[in-house]
Amino acid sequence: MIDQQLARLHTHRRNIQRYRSLLQTSLTDLERQFVQKRLTEEQSNLERLANSLPIEIRGSMTSRR
């Protein structure tokens, strides 16, 4: 269960990085709105998932950053 949650965290982080990179490129207004919306959703999902982990794991995650 924890391994699945950690894999999901990794996926959310990767998506956030990808969306941030996309925002640095030339996008139409519509594309930019879509990417910003997805970025916000990914950040919310990451935060929600991180907060659902046991406190011991959360602590070790912040020390790795």
N, C-alpha and C. Protein backbone atom coordinates (compact mmCIF):
# COMPACT_ATOMS: atom_id res chain seq x y z
N MET A 1 0.82 -1.20 0.00
CA MET A 1 0.00 0.00 0.00
C MET A 1 0.87 1.26 0.00
N ILE A 2 1.86 1.31 0.90
CA ILE A 2 2.74 2.48 0.97
C ILE A 2 3.52 2.61 -0.33
N ASP A 3 3.98 1.49 -0.89
CA ASP A 3 4.72 1.54 -2.15
C ASP A 3 3.88 2.16 -3.27
N GLN A 4 2.61 1.82 -3.31
CA GLN A 4 1.72 2.40 -4.31
C GLN A 4 1.56 3.90 -4.10
N GLN A 5 1.42 4.31 -2.85
CA GLN A 5 1.27 5.73 -2.56
C GLN A 5 2.55 6.49 -2.93
N LEU A 6 3.71 5.91 -2.64
CA LEU A 6 4.96 6.56 -2.99
C LEU A 6 5.13 6.66 -4.50
N ALA A 7 4.69 5.64 -5.22
CA ALA A 7 4.74 5.67 -6.68
C ALA A 7 3.82 6.78 -7.21
N ARG A 8 2.66 6.91 -6.60
CA ARG A 8 1.73 7.97 -7.01
C ARG A 8 2.31 9.35 -6.73
N LEU A 9 2.98 9.49 -5.57
CA LEU A 9 3.65 10.76 -5.25
C LEU A 9 4.68 11.10 -6.31
N HIS A 10 5.46 10.12 -6.69
CA HIS A 10 6.48 10.31 -7.71
C HIS A 10 5.84 10.75 -9.03
N THR A 11 4.75 10.12 -9.38
CA THR A 11 4.04 10.47 -10.62
C THR A 11 3.53 11.90 -10.57
N HIS A 12 2.94 12.30 -9.45
CA HIS A 12 2.45 13.68 -9.31
C HIS A 12 3.60 14.67 -9.42
N ARG A 13 4.73 14.36 -8.77
CA ARG A 13 5.89 15.26 -8.86
C ARG A 13 6.39 15.39 -10.29
N ARG A 14 6.45 14.27 -10.98
CA ARG A 14 6.89 14.28 -12.38
C ARG A 14 5.93 15.10 -13.24
N ASN A 15 4.65 14.93 -13.02
CA ASN A 15 3.66 15.71 -13.78
C ASN A 15 3.80 17.20 -13.49
N ILE A 16 4.01 17.55 -12.23
CA ILE A 16 4.18 18.96 -11.86
C ILE A 16 5.40 19.54 -12.57
N GLN A 17 6.49 18.80 -12.59
CA GLN A 17 7.68 19.27 -13.30
C GLN A 17 7.40 19.46 -14.79
N ARG A 18 6.69 18.52 -15.37
CA ARG A 18 6.36 18.61 -16.80
C ARG A 18 5.49 19.83 -17.08
N TYR A 19 4.47 20.07 -16.26
CA TYR A 19 3.60 21.21 -16.47
C TYR A 19 4.34 22.53 -16.27
N ARG A 20 5.23 22.59 -15.28
CA ARG A 20 6.03 23.80 -15.09
C ARG A 20 6.92 24.06 -16.30
N SER A 21 7.48 23.00 -16.84
CA SER A 21 8.31 23.14 -18.05
C SER A 21 7.48 23.63 -19.22
N LEU A 22 6.29 23.09 -19.35
CA LEU A 22 5.42 23.52 -20.45
C LEU A 22 5.07 25.01 -20.34
N LEU A 23 4.89 25.48 -19.12
CA LEU A 23 4.55 26.90 -18.93
C LEU A 23 5.69 27.82 -19.35
N GLN A 24 6.89 27.29 -19.46
CA GLN A 24 8.03 28.09 -19.90
C GLN A 24 8.12 28.17 -21.42
N THR A 25 7.24 27.47 -22.12
CA THR A 25 7.25 27.45 -23.58
C THR A 25 6.20 28.41 -24.13
N SER A 26 6.18 28.51 -25.42
CA SER A 26 5.21 29.36 -26.10
C SER A 26 3.89 28.60 -26.23
N LEU A 27 2.87 29.10 -25.56
CA LEU A 27 1.55 28.45 -25.58
C LEU A 27 0.48 29.48 -25.93
N THR A 28 -0.60 28.97 -26.49
CA THR A 28 -1.76 29.85 -26.69
C THR A 28 -2.39 30.11 -25.33
N ASP A 29 -3.25 31.09 -25.25
CA ASP A 29 -3.93 31.38 -23.98
C ASP A 29 -4.72 30.17 -23.49
N LEU A 30 -5.39 29.51 -24.41
CA LEU A 30 -6.18 28.34 -24.05
C LEU A 30 -5.29 27.21 -23.54
N GLU A 31 -4.18 26.97 -24.20
CA GLU A 31 -3.25 25.93 -23.75
C GLU A 31 -2.68 26.28 -22.38
N ARG A 32 -2.31 27.53 -22.19
CA ARG A 32 -1.75 27.98 -20.91
C ARG A 32 -2.77 27.79 -19.79
N GLN A 33 -4.02 28.13 -20.04
CA GLN A 33 -5.07 27.95 -19.03
C GLN A 33 -5.21 26.48 -18.66
N PHE A 34 -5.19 25.62 -19.69
CA PHE A 34 -5.32 24.19 -19.45
C PHE A 34 -4.16 23.68 -18.60
N VAL A 35 -2.93 24.04 -18.97
CA VAL A 35 -1.75 23.58 -18.25
C VAL A 35 -1.76 24.10 -16.82
N GLN A 36 -2.12 25.36 -16.62
CA GLN A 36 -2.18 25.92 -15.27
C GLN A 36 -3.22 25.19 -14.42
N LYS A 37 -4.36 24.87 -15.04
CA LYS A 37 -5.39 24.14 -14.30
C LYS A 37 -4.88 22.75 -13.91
N ARG A 38 -4.24 22.07 -14.83
CA ARG A 38 -3.70 20.74 -14.53
C ARG A 38 -2.60 20.82 -13.47
N LEU A 39 -1.78 21.85 -13.53
CA LEU A 39 -0.73 22.03 -12.54
C LEU A 39 -1.33 22.19 -11.14
N THR A 40 -2.34 23.01 -11.04
CA THR A 40 -3.02 23.22 -9.76
C THR A 40 -3.64 21.92 -9.25
N GLU A 41 -4.25 21.15 -10.14
CA GLU A 41 -4.85 19.87 -9.75
C GLU A 41 -3.78 18.89 -9.26
N GLU A 42 -2.67 18.83 -9.98
CA GLU A 42 -1.59 17.92 -9.58
C GLU A 42 -1.01 18.32 -8.22
N GLN A 43 -0.83 19.62 -8.00
CA GLN A 43 -0.30 20.08 -6.72
C GLN A 43 -1.25 19.73 -5.58
N SER A 44 -2.55 19.90 -5.82
CA SER A 44 -3.54 19.54 -4.80
C SER A 44 -3.53 18.05 -4.51
N ASN A 45 -3.45 17.26 -5.58
CA ASN A 45 -3.41 15.81 -5.41
C ASN A 45 -2.16 15.37 -4.67
N LEU A 46 -1.03 15.98 -5.00
CA LEU A 46 0.22 15.67 -4.32
C LEU A 46 0.12 15.98 -2.83
N GLU A 47 -0.39 17.16 -2.52
CA GLU A 47 -0.52 17.57 -1.12
C GLU A 47 -1.46 16.64 -0.36
N ARG A 48 -2.59 16.33 -0.96
CA ARG A 48 -3.57 15.45 -0.31
C ARG A 48 -2.97 14.08 -0.05
N LEU A 49 -2.28 13.53 -1.05
CA LEU A 49 -1.69 12.21 -0.90
C LEU A 49 -0.57 12.23 0.14
N ALA A 50 0.27 13.26 0.10
CA ALA A 50 1.37 13.36 1.07
C ALA A 50 0.82 13.45 2.49
N ASN A 51 -0.26 14.17 2.67
CA ASN A 51 -0.86 14.31 4.01
C ASN A 51 -1.53 13.03 4.49
N SER A 52 -1.81 12.11 3.58
CA SER A 52 -2.45 10.86 3.97
C SER A 52 -1.43 9.79 4.39
N LEU A 53 -0.14 10.07 4.15
CA LEU A 53 0.90 9.11 4.52
C LEU A 53 1.15 9.15 6.03
N PRO A 54 1.65 8.05 6.57
CA PRO A 54 2.01 8.05 7.99
C PRO A 54 3.06 9.13 8.28
N ILE A 55 3.01 9.69 9.44
CA ILE A 55 3.88 10.81 9.82
C ILE A 55 5.36 10.46 9.67
N GLU A 56 5.73 9.22 9.92
CA GLU A 56 7.14 8.81 9.81
C GLU A 56 7.63 8.95 8.37
N ILE A 57 6.79 8.61 7.44
CA ILE A 57 7.18 8.68 6.03
C ILE A 57 7.19 10.13 5.57
N ARG A 58 6.22 10.91 6.00
CA ARG A 58 6.19 12.33 5.65
C ARG A 58 7.46 13.03 6.11
N GLY A 59 7.89 12.71 7.32
CA GLY A 59 9.10 13.32 7.86
C GLY A 59 10.34 12.97 7.05
N SER A 60 10.43 11.73 6.60
CA SER A 60 11.59 11.33 5.82
C SER A 60 11.56 11.94 4.42
N MET A 61 10.37 12.24 3.91
CA MET A 61 10.25 12.85 2.58
C MET A 61 10.76 14.29 2.62
N THR A 62 10.45 15.02 3.66
CA THR A 62 10.86 16.42 3.72
C THR A 62 12.35 16.56 3.96
N SER A 63 12.95 15.59 4.61
CA SER A 63 14.38 15.66 4.86
C SER A 63 15.19 15.35 3.60
N ARG A 64 14.57 14.71 2.59
CA ARG A 64 15.27 14.39 1.34
C ARG A 64 15.29 15.57 0.39
N ARG A 65 14.44 16.54 0.57
CA ARG A 65 14.34 17.65 -0.38
C ARG A 65 15.48 18.59 -0.29
